[in-house]
mmCIF file of all heavy atoms, coordinates in Angstrom:
data_MODEL
# 
_entry.id   MODEL 
# 
loop_
_atom_site.group_PDB 
_atom_site.id 
_atom_site.type_symbol 
_atom_site.label_atom_id 
_atom_site.label_alt_id 
_atom_site.label_comp_id 
_atom_site.label_asym_id 
_atom_site.label_entity_id 
_atom_site.label_seq_id 
_atom_site.pdbx_PDB_ins_code 
_atom_site.Cartn_x 
_atom_site.Cartn_y 
_atom_site.Cartn_z 
_atom_site.occupancy 
_atom_site.B_iso_or_equiv 
_atom_site.pdbx_formal_charge 
_atom_site.auth_seq_id 
_atom_site.auth_comp_id 
_atom_site.auth_asym_id 
_atom_site.auth_atom_id 
_atom_site.pdbx_PDB_model_num 
ATOM 1   N N   . LEU A 1 1  ? -4.566 0.776   9.779  1.00 0.00 ? 1  LEU A N   1 
ATOM 2   C CA  . LEU A 1 1  ? -3.726 0.210   8.709  1.00 0.00 ? 1  LEU A CA  1 
ATOM 3   C C   . LEU A 1 1  ? -2.240 0.269   9.112  1.00 0.00 ? 1  LEU A C   1 
ATOM 4   O O   . LEU A 1 1  ? -1.446 -0.693  8.898  1.00 0.00 ? 1  LEU A O   1 
ATOM 5   C CB  . LEU A 1 1  ? -3.958 0.952   7.398  1.00 0.00 ? 1  LEU A CB  1 
ATOM 6   C CG  . LEU A 1 1  ? -5.269 0.718   6.721  1.00 0.00 ? 1  LEU A CG  1 
ATOM 7   C CD1 . LEU A 1 1  ? -5.382 1.550   5.426  1.00 0.00 ? 1  LEU A CD1 1 
ATOM 8   C CD2 . LEU A 1 1  ? -5.505 -0.751  6.379  1.00 0.00 ? 1  LEU A CD2 1 
ATOM 9   N N   . GLY A 1 2  ? -1.845 1.413   9.742  1.00 0.00 ? 2  GLY A N   1 
ATOM 10  C CA  . GLY A 1 2  ? -0.472 1.500   10.135 1.00 0.00 ? 2  GLY A CA  1 
ATOM 11  C C   . GLY A 1 2  ? -0.077 0.518   11.272 1.00 0.00 ? 2  GLY A C   1 
ATOM 12  O O   . GLY A 1 2  ? 0.972  -0.079  11.233 1.00 0.00 ? 2  GLY A O   1 
ATOM 13  N N   . ALA A 1 3  ? -1.047 0.310   12.165 1.00 0.00 ? 3  ALA A N   1 
ATOM 14  C CA  . ALA A 1 3  ? -0.785 -0.697  13.222 1.00 0.00 ? 3  ALA A CA  1 
ATOM 15  C C   . ALA A 1 3  ? -0.679 -2.077  12.634 1.00 0.00 ? 3  ALA A C   1 
ATOM 16  O O   . ALA A 1 3  ? 0.214  -2.837  13.041 1.00 0.00 ? 3  ALA A O   1 
ATOM 17  C CB  . ALA A 1 3  ? -1.947 -0.613  14.244 1.00 0.00 ? 3  ALA A CB  1 
ATOM 18  N N   . ILE A 1 4  ? -1.581 -2.424  11.674 1.00 0.00 ? 4  ILE A N   1 
ATOM 19  C CA  . ILE A 1 4  ? -1.496 -3.706  11.063 1.00 0.00 ? 4  ILE A CA  1 
ATOM 20  C C   . ILE A 1 4  ? -0.204 -3.952  10.379 1.00 0.00 ? 4  ILE A C   1 
ATOM 21  O O   . ILE A 1 4  ? 0.473  -5.014  10.346 1.00 0.00 ? 4  ILE A O   1 
ATOM 22  C CB  . ILE A 1 4  ? -2.696 -3.889  10.118 1.00 0.00 ? 4  ILE A CB  1 
ATOM 23  C CG1 . ILE A 1 4  ? -4.004 -4.093  10.856 1.00 0.00 ? 4  ILE A CG1 1 
ATOM 24  C CG2 . ILE A 1 4  ? -2.408 -5.144  9.166  1.00 0.00 ? 4  ILE A CG2 1 
ATOM 25  C CD1 . ILE A 1 4  ? -4.101 -5.326  11.679 1.00 0.00 ? 4  ILE A CD1 1 
ATOM 26  N N   . ALA A 1 5  ? 0.404  -2.858  9.759  1.00 0.00 ? 5  ALA A N   1 
ATOM 27  C CA  . ALA A 1 5  ? 1.601  -2.939  9.006  1.00 0.00 ? 5  ALA A CA  1 
ATOM 28  C C   . ALA A 1 5  ? 2.784  -3.158  9.892  1.00 0.00 ? 5  ALA A C   1 
ATOM 29  O O   . ALA A 1 5  ? 3.702  -3.910  9.507  1.00 0.00 ? 5  ALA A O   1 
ATOM 30  C CB  . ALA A 1 5  ? 1.768  -1.630  8.154  1.00 0.00 ? 5  ALA A CB  1 
ATOM 31  N N   . VAL A 1 6  ? 2.847  -2.540  11.096 1.00 0.00 ? 6  VAL A N   1 
ATOM 32  C CA  . VAL A 1 6  ? 4.121  -2.594  11.893 1.00 0.00 ? 6  VAL A CA  1 
ATOM 33  C C   . VAL A 1 6  ? 3.993  -3.523  13.067 1.00 0.00 ? 6  VAL A C   1 
ATOM 34  O O   . VAL A 1 6  ? 5.061  -4.028  13.475 1.00 0.00 ? 6  VAL A O   1 
ATOM 35  C CB  . VAL A 1 6  ? 4.467  -1.146  12.397 1.00 0.00 ? 6  VAL A CB  1 
ATOM 36  C CG1 . VAL A 1 6  ? 4.650  -0.212  11.227 1.00 0.00 ? 6  VAL A CG1 1 
ATOM 37  C CG2 . VAL A 1 6  ? 3.417  -0.612  13.340 1.00 0.00 ? 6  VAL A CG2 1 
ATOM 38  N N   . LEU A 1 7  ? 2.796  -3.728  13.642 1.00 0.00 ? 7  LEU A N   1 
ATOM 39  C CA  . LEU A 1 7  ? 2.727  -4.503  14.802 1.00 0.00 ? 7  LEU A CA  1 
ATOM 40  C C   . LEU A 1 7  ? 3.223  -6.000  14.666 1.00 0.00 ? 7  LEU A C   1 
ATOM 41  O O   . LEU A 1 7  ? 3.875  -6.527  15.586 1.00 0.00 ? 7  LEU A O   1 
ATOM 42  C CB  . LEU A 1 7  ? 1.301  -4.506  15.413 1.00 0.00 ? 7  LEU A CB  1 
ATOM 43  C CG  . LEU A 1 7  ? 0.873  -3.225  16.140 1.00 0.00 ? 7  LEU A CG  1 
ATOM 44  C CD1 . LEU A 1 7  ? -0.514 -3.372  16.629 1.00 0.00 ? 7  LEU A CD1 1 
ATOM 45  C CD2 . LEU A 1 7  ? 1.889  -2.990  17.331 1.00 0.00 ? 7  LEU A CD2 1 
ATOM 46  N N   . PRO A 1 8  ? 2.931  -6.644  13.569 1.00 0.00 ? 8  PRO A N   1 
ATOM 47  C CA  . PRO A 1 8  ? 3.399  -8.009  13.371 1.00 0.00 ? 8  PRO A CA  1 
ATOM 48  C C   . PRO A 1 8  ? 4.917  -8.071  13.418 1.00 0.00 ? 8  PRO A C   1 
ATOM 49  O O   . PRO A 1 8  ? 5.482  -9.022  13.951 1.00 0.00 ? 8  PRO A O   1 
ATOM 50  C CB  . PRO A 1 8  ? 2.873  -8.369  12.001 1.00 0.00 ? 8  PRO A CB  1 
ATOM 51  C CG  . PRO A 1 8  ? 1.609  -7.614  11.882 1.00 0.00 ? 8  PRO A CG  1 
ATOM 52  C CD  . PRO A 1 8  ? 1.925  -6.345  12.497 1.00 0.00 ? 8  PRO A CD  1 
ATOM 53  N N   . SER A 1 9  ? 5.598  -7.098  12.762 1.00 0.00 ? 9  SER A N   1 
ATOM 54  C CA  . SER A 1 9  ? 7.044  -7.072  12.840 1.00 0.00 ? 9  SER A CA  1 
ATOM 55  C C   . SER A 1 9  ? 7.570  -6.938  14.302 1.00 0.00 ? 9  SER A C   1 
ATOM 56  O O   . SER A 1 9  ? 8.512  -7.647  14.696 1.00 0.00 ? 9  SER A O   1 
ATOM 57  C CB  . SER A 1 9  ? 7.580  -5.972  12.008 1.00 0.00 ? 9  SER A CB  1 
ATOM 58  O OG  . SER A 1 9  ? 7.302  -6.108  10.683 1.00 0.00 ? 9  SER A OG  1 
ATOM 59  N N   . LEU A 1 10 ? 6.924  -6.020  15.066 1.00 0.00 ? 10 LEU A N   1 
ATOM 60  C CA  . LEU A 1 10 ? 7.325  -5.900  16.466 1.00 0.00 ? 10 LEU A CA  1 
ATOM 61  C C   . LEU A 1 10 ? 7.014  -7.135  17.314 1.00 0.00 ? 10 LEU A C   1 
ATOM 62  O O   . LEU A 1 10 ? 7.747  -7.384  18.188 1.00 0.00 ? 10 LEU A O   1 
ATOM 63  C CB  . LEU A 1 10 ? 6.558  -4.664  17.042 1.00 0.00 ? 10 LEU A CB  1 
ATOM 64  C CG  . LEU A 1 10 ? 6.885  -3.296  16.295 1.00 0.00 ? 10 LEU A CG  1 
ATOM 65  C CD1 . LEU A 1 10 ? 6.072  -2.209  16.974 1.00 0.00 ? 10 LEU A CD1 1 
ATOM 66  C CD2 . LEU A 1 10 ? 8.375  -2.986  16.399 1.00 0.00 ? 10 LEU A CD2 1 
ATOM 67  N N   . ALA A 1 11 ? 5.966  -7.816  16.906 1.00 0.00 ? 11 ALA A N   1 
ATOM 68  C CA  . ALA A 1 11 ? 5.586  -9.006  17.675 1.00 0.00 ? 11 ALA A CA  1 
ATOM 69  C C   . ALA A 1 11 ? 6.562  -10.141 17.493 1.00 0.00 ? 11 ALA A C   1 
ATOM 70  O O   . ALA A 1 11 ? 6.513  -11.104 18.268 1.00 0.00 ? 11 ALA A O   1 
ATOM 71  C CB  . ALA A 1 11 ? 4.119  -9.426  17.306 1.00 0.00 ? 11 ALA A CB  1 
ATOM 72  N N   . THR A 1 12 ? 7.316  -10.135 16.421 1.00 0.00 ? 12 THR A N   1 
ATOM 73  C CA  . THR A 1 12 ? 8.342  -11.161 16.231 1.00 0.00 ? 12 THR A CA  1 
ATOM 74  C C   . THR A 1 12 ? 9.252  -11.356 17.465 1.00 0.00 ? 12 THR A C   1 
ATOM 75  O O   . THR A 1 12 ? 9.704  -12.427 17.750 1.00 0.00 ? 12 THR A O   1 
ATOM 76  C CB  . THR A 1 12 ? 9.077  -10.905 14.913 1.00 0.00 ? 12 THR A CB  1 
ATOM 77  O OG1 . THR A 1 12 ? 8.154  -10.846 13.854 1.00 0.00 ? 12 THR A OG1 1 
ATOM 78  C CG2 . THR A 1 12 ? 10.088 -12.003 14.679 1.00 0.00 ? 12 THR A CG2 1 
ATOM 79  N N   . ASN A 1 13 ? 9.589  -10.218 17.989 1.00 0.00 ? 13 ASN A N   1 
ATOM 80  C CA  . ASN A 1 13 ? 10.467 -10.215 19.162 1.00 0.00 ? 13 ASN A CA  1 
ATOM 81  C C   . ASN A 1 13 ? 9.864  -10.974 20.336 1.00 0.00 ? 13 ASN A C   1 
ATOM 82  O O   . ASN A 1 13 ? 10.600 -11.511 21.252 1.00 0.00 ? 13 ASN A O   1 
ATOM 83  C CB  . ASN A 1 13 ? 10.859 -8.774  19.582 1.00 0.00 ? 13 ASN A CB  1 
ATOM 84  C CG  . ASN A 1 13 ? 11.584 -8.009  18.479 1.00 0.00 ? 13 ASN A CG  1 
ATOM 85  O OD1 . ASN A 1 13 ? 12.388 -8.650  17.800 1.00 0.00 ? 13 ASN A OD1 1 
ATOM 86  N ND2 . ASN A 1 13 ? 11.354 -6.754  18.369 1.00 0.00 ? 13 ASN A ND2 1 
ATOM 87  N N   . LEU A 1 14 ? 8.516  -10.988 20.403 1.00 0.00 ? 14 LEU A N   1 
ATOM 88  C CA  . LEU A 1 14 ? 7.920  -11.660 21.494 1.00 0.00 ? 14 LEU A CA  1 
ATOM 89  C C   . LEU A 1 14 ? 7.616  -13.189 21.266 1.00 0.00 ? 14 LEU A C   1 
ATOM 90  O O   . LEU A 1 14 ? 7.754  -14.012 22.155 1.00 0.00 ? 14 LEU A O   1 
ATOM 91  C CB  . LEU A 1 14 ? 6.528  -11.085 21.773 1.00 0.00 ? 14 LEU A CB  1 
ATOM 92  C CG  . LEU A 1 14 ? 6.459  -9.606  22.315 1.00 0.00 ? 14 LEU A CG  1 
ATOM 93  C CD1 . LEU A 1 14 ? 5.015  -9.099  22.413 1.00 0.00 ? 14 LEU A CD1 1 
ATOM 94  C CD2 . LEU A 1 14 ? 7.142  -9.462  23.601 1.00 0.00 ? 14 LEU A CD2 1 
ATOM 95  N N   . THR A 1 15 ? 7.399  -13.461 20.013 1.00 0.00 ? 15 THR A N   1 
ATOM 96  C CA  . THR A 1 15 ? 6.978  -14.910 19.639 1.00 0.00 ? 15 THR A CA  1 
ATOM 97  C C   . THR A 1 15 ? 8.153  -15.690 19.124 1.00 0.00 ? 15 THR A C   1 
ATOM 98  O O   . THR A 1 15 ? 8.219  -16.895 19.187 1.00 0.00 ? 15 THR A O   1 
ATOM 99  C CB  . THR A 1 15 ? 5.869  -14.913 18.614 1.00 0.00 ? 15 THR A CB  1 
ATOM 100 O OG1 . THR A 1 15 ? 6.288  -14.226 17.366 1.00 0.00 ? 15 THR A OG1 1 
ATOM 101 C CG2 . THR A 1 15 ? 4.651  -14.132 19.108 1.00 0.00 ? 15 THR A CG2 1 
ATOM 102 N N   . GLY A 1 16 ? 9.110  -14.979 18.435 1.00 0.00 ? 16 GLY A N   1 
ATOM 103 C CA  . GLY A 1 16 ? 10.194 -15.751 17.796 1.00 0.00 ? 16 GLY A CA  1 
ATOM 104 C C   . GLY A 1 16 ? 9.762  -16.376 16.501 1.00 0.00 ? 16 GLY A C   1 
ATOM 105 O O   . GLY A 1 16 ? 10.569 -17.117 15.865 1.00 0.00 ? 16 GLY A O   1 
ATOM 106 N N   . ILE A 1 17 ? 8.597  -16.075 16.019 1.00 0.00 ? 17 ILE A N   1 
ATOM 107 C CA  . ILE A 1 17 ? 8.074  -16.603 14.774 1.00 0.00 ? 17 ILE A CA  1 
ATOM 108 C C   . ILE A 1 17 ? 8.246  -15.580 13.636 1.00 0.00 ? 17 ILE A C   1 
ATOM 109 O O   . ILE A 1 17 ? 7.525  -14.598 13.551 1.00 0.00 ? 17 ILE A O   1 
ATOM 110 C CB  . ILE A 1 17 ? 6.612  -17.011 14.868 1.00 0.00 ? 17 ILE A CB  1 
ATOM 111 C CG1 . ILE A 1 17 ? 6.456  -17.989 16.014 1.00 0.00 ? 17 ILE A CG1 1 
ATOM 112 C CG2 . ILE A 1 17 ? 6.072  -17.632 13.558 1.00 0.00 ? 17 ILE A CG2 1 
ATOM 113 C CD1 . ILE A 1 17 ? 4.952  -18.387 16.253 1.00 0.00 ? 17 ILE A CD1 1 
ATOM 114 N N   . SER A 1 18 ? 9.298  -15.749 12.874 1.00 0.00 ? 18 SER A N   1 
ATOM 115 C CA  . SER A 1 18 ? 9.604  -14.813 11.866 1.00 0.00 ? 18 SER A CA  1 
ATOM 116 C C   . SER A 1 18 ? 8.585  -14.703 10.779 1.00 0.00 ? 18 SER A C   1 
ATOM 117 O O   . SER A 1 18 ? 8.364  -13.617 10.142 1.00 0.00 ? 18 SER A O   1 
ATOM 118 C CB  . SER A 1 18 ? 11.001 -15.124 11.171 1.00 0.00 ? 18 SER A CB  1 
ATOM 119 O OG  . SER A 1 18 ? 10.941 -16.420 10.606 1.00 0.00 ? 18 SER A OG  1 
ATOM 120 N N   . THR A 1 19 ? 7.801  -15.779 10.567 1.00 0.00 ? 19 THR A N   1 
ATOM 121 C CA  . THR A 1 19 ? 6.728  -15.662 9.516  1.00 0.00 ? 19 THR A CA  1 
ATOM 122 C C   . THR A 1 19 ? 5.688  -14.657 9.881  1.00 0.00 ? 19 THR A C   1 
ATOM 123 O O   . THR A 1 19 ? 4.967  -14.204 9.002  1.00 0.00 ? 19 THR A O   1 
ATOM 124 C CB  . THR A 1 19 ? 6.165  -17.053 9.283  1.00 0.00 ? 19 THR A CB  1 
ATOM 125 O OG1 . THR A 1 19 ? 5.737  -17.592 10.490 1.00 0.00 ? 19 THR A OG1 1 
ATOM 126 C CG2 . THR A 1 19 ? 7.155  -18.029 8.649  1.00 0.00 ? 19 THR A CG2 1 
ATOM 127 N N   . LEU A 1 20 ? 5.509  -14.392 11.152 1.00 0.00 ? 20 LEU A N   1 
ATOM 128 C CA  . LEU A 1 20 ? 4.524  -13.446 11.612 1.00 0.00 ? 20 LEU A CA  1 
ATOM 129 C C   . LEU A 1 20 ? 4.835  -12.041 11.041 1.00 0.00 ? 20 LEU A C   1 
ATOM 130 O O   . LEU A 1 20 ? 3.927  -11.187 10.882 1.00 0.00 ? 20 LEU A O   1 
ATOM 131 C CB  . LEU A 1 20 ? 4.320  -13.465 13.106 1.00 0.00 ? 20 LEU A CB  1 
ATOM 132 C CG  . LEU A 1 20 ? 3.242  -12.617 13.719 1.00 0.00 ? 20 LEU A CG  1 
ATOM 133 C CD1 . LEU A 1 20 ? 1.903  -13.062 13.240 1.00 0.00 ? 20 LEU A CD1 1 
ATOM 134 C CD2 . LEU A 1 20 ? 3.325  -12.675 15.233 1.00 0.00 ? 20 LEU A CD2 1 
ATOM 135 N N   . THR A 1 21 ? 6.133  -11.774 10.822 1.00 0.00 ? 21 THR A N   1 
ATOM 136 C CA  . THR A 1 21 ? 6.502  -10.443 10.381 1.00 0.00 ? 21 THR A CA  1 
ATOM 137 C C   . THR A 1 21 ? 5.832  -10.065 9.120  1.00 0.00 ? 21 THR A C   1 
ATOM 138 O O   . THR A 1 21 ? 5.439  -8.941  8.947  1.00 0.00 ? 21 THR A O   1 
ATOM 139 C CB  . THR A 1 21 ? 8.029  -10.416 10.253 1.00 0.00 ? 21 THR A CB  1 
ATOM 140 O OG1 . THR A 1 21 ? 8.688  -10.729 11.406 1.00 0.00 ? 21 THR A OG1 1 
ATOM 141 C CG2 . THR A 1 21 ? 8.508  -9.024  9.835  1.00 0.00 ? 21 THR A CG2 1 
ATOM 142 N N   . LEU A 1 22 ? 5.639  -11.018 8.196  1.00 0.00 ? 22 LEU A N   1 
ATOM 143 C CA  . LEU A 1 22 ? 5.101  -10.721 6.911  1.00 0.00 ? 22 LEU A CA  1 
ATOM 144 C C   . LEU A 1 22 ? 3.608  -11.079 6.923  1.00 0.00 ? 22 LEU A C   1 
ATOM 145 O O   . LEU A 1 22 ? 2.908  -10.779 5.988  1.00 0.00 ? 22 LEU A O   1 
ATOM 146 C CB  . LEU A 1 22 ? 5.809  -11.575 5.858  1.00 0.00 ? 22 LEU A CB  1 
ATOM 147 C CG  . LEU A 1 22 ? 7.316  -11.447 5.727  1.00 0.00 ? 22 LEU A CG  1 
ATOM 148 C CD1 . LEU A 1 22 ? 7.854  -12.323 4.688  1.00 0.00 ? 22 LEU A CD1 1 
ATOM 149 C CD2 . LEU A 1 22 ? 7.690  -10.049 5.410  1.00 0.00 ? 22 LEU A CD2 1 
ATOM 150 N N   . GLY A 1 23 ? 3.104  -11.700 8.050  1.00 0.00 ? 23 GLY A N   1 
ATOM 151 C CA  . GLY A 1 23 ? 1.790  -12.183 8.077  1.00 0.00 ? 23 GLY A CA  1 
ATOM 152 C C   . GLY A 1 23 ? 0.742  -11.044 8.197  1.00 0.00 ? 23 GLY A C   1 
ATOM 153 O O   . GLY A 1 23 ? -0.347 -11.164 7.564  1.00 0.00 ? 23 GLY A O   1 
ATOM 154 N N   . GLY A 1 24 ? 1.043  -10.002 8.965  1.00 0.00 ? 24 GLY A N   1 
ATOM 155 C CA  . GLY A 1 24 ? 0.032  -8.945  9.127  1.00 0.00 ? 24 GLY A CA  1 
ATOM 156 C C   . GLY A 1 24 ? -0.305 -8.284  7.848  1.00 0.00 ? 24 GLY A C   1 
ATOM 157 O O   . GLY A 1 24 ? -1.529 -8.132  7.496  1.00 0.00 ? 24 GLY A O   1 
ATOM 158 N N   . THR A 1 25 ? 0.723  -7.825  7.139  1.00 0.00 ? 25 THR A N   1 
ATOM 159 C CA  . THR A 1 25 ? 0.429  -7.214  5.777  1.00 0.00 ? 25 THR A CA  1 
ATOM 160 C C   . THR A 1 25 ? -0.183 -8.167  4.807  1.00 0.00 ? 25 THR A C   1 
ATOM 161 O O   . THR A 1 25 ? -1.089 -7.782  4.103  1.00 0.00 ? 25 THR A O   1 
ATOM 162 C CB  . THR A 1 25 ? 1.737  -6.612  5.245  1.00 0.00 ? 25 THR A CB  1 
ATOM 163 O OG1 . THR A 1 25 ? 2.362  -5.723  6.215  1.00 0.00 ? 25 THR A OG1 1 
ATOM 164 C CG2 . THR A 1 25 ? 1.530  -5.900  3.958  1.00 0.00 ? 25 THR A CG2 1 
ATOM 165 N N   . GLY A 1 26 ? 0.320  -9.434  4.810  1.00 0.00 ? 26 GLY A N   1 
ATOM 166 C CA  . GLY A 1 26 ? -0.276 -10.362 3.893  1.00 0.00 ? 26 GLY A CA  1 
ATOM 167 C C   . GLY A 1 26 ? -1.751 -10.692 4.157  1.00 0.00 ? 26 GLY A C   1 
ATOM 168 O O   . GLY A 1 26 ? -2.595 -10.709 3.255  1.00 0.00 ? 26 GLY A O   1 
# 
């Protein structure tokens, strides 16, 4: 659960897709 919560935010730096930041938790 912790990984799901934080990894999408960290992955934004790789993809440049800001919507992914909120996608994992959602």
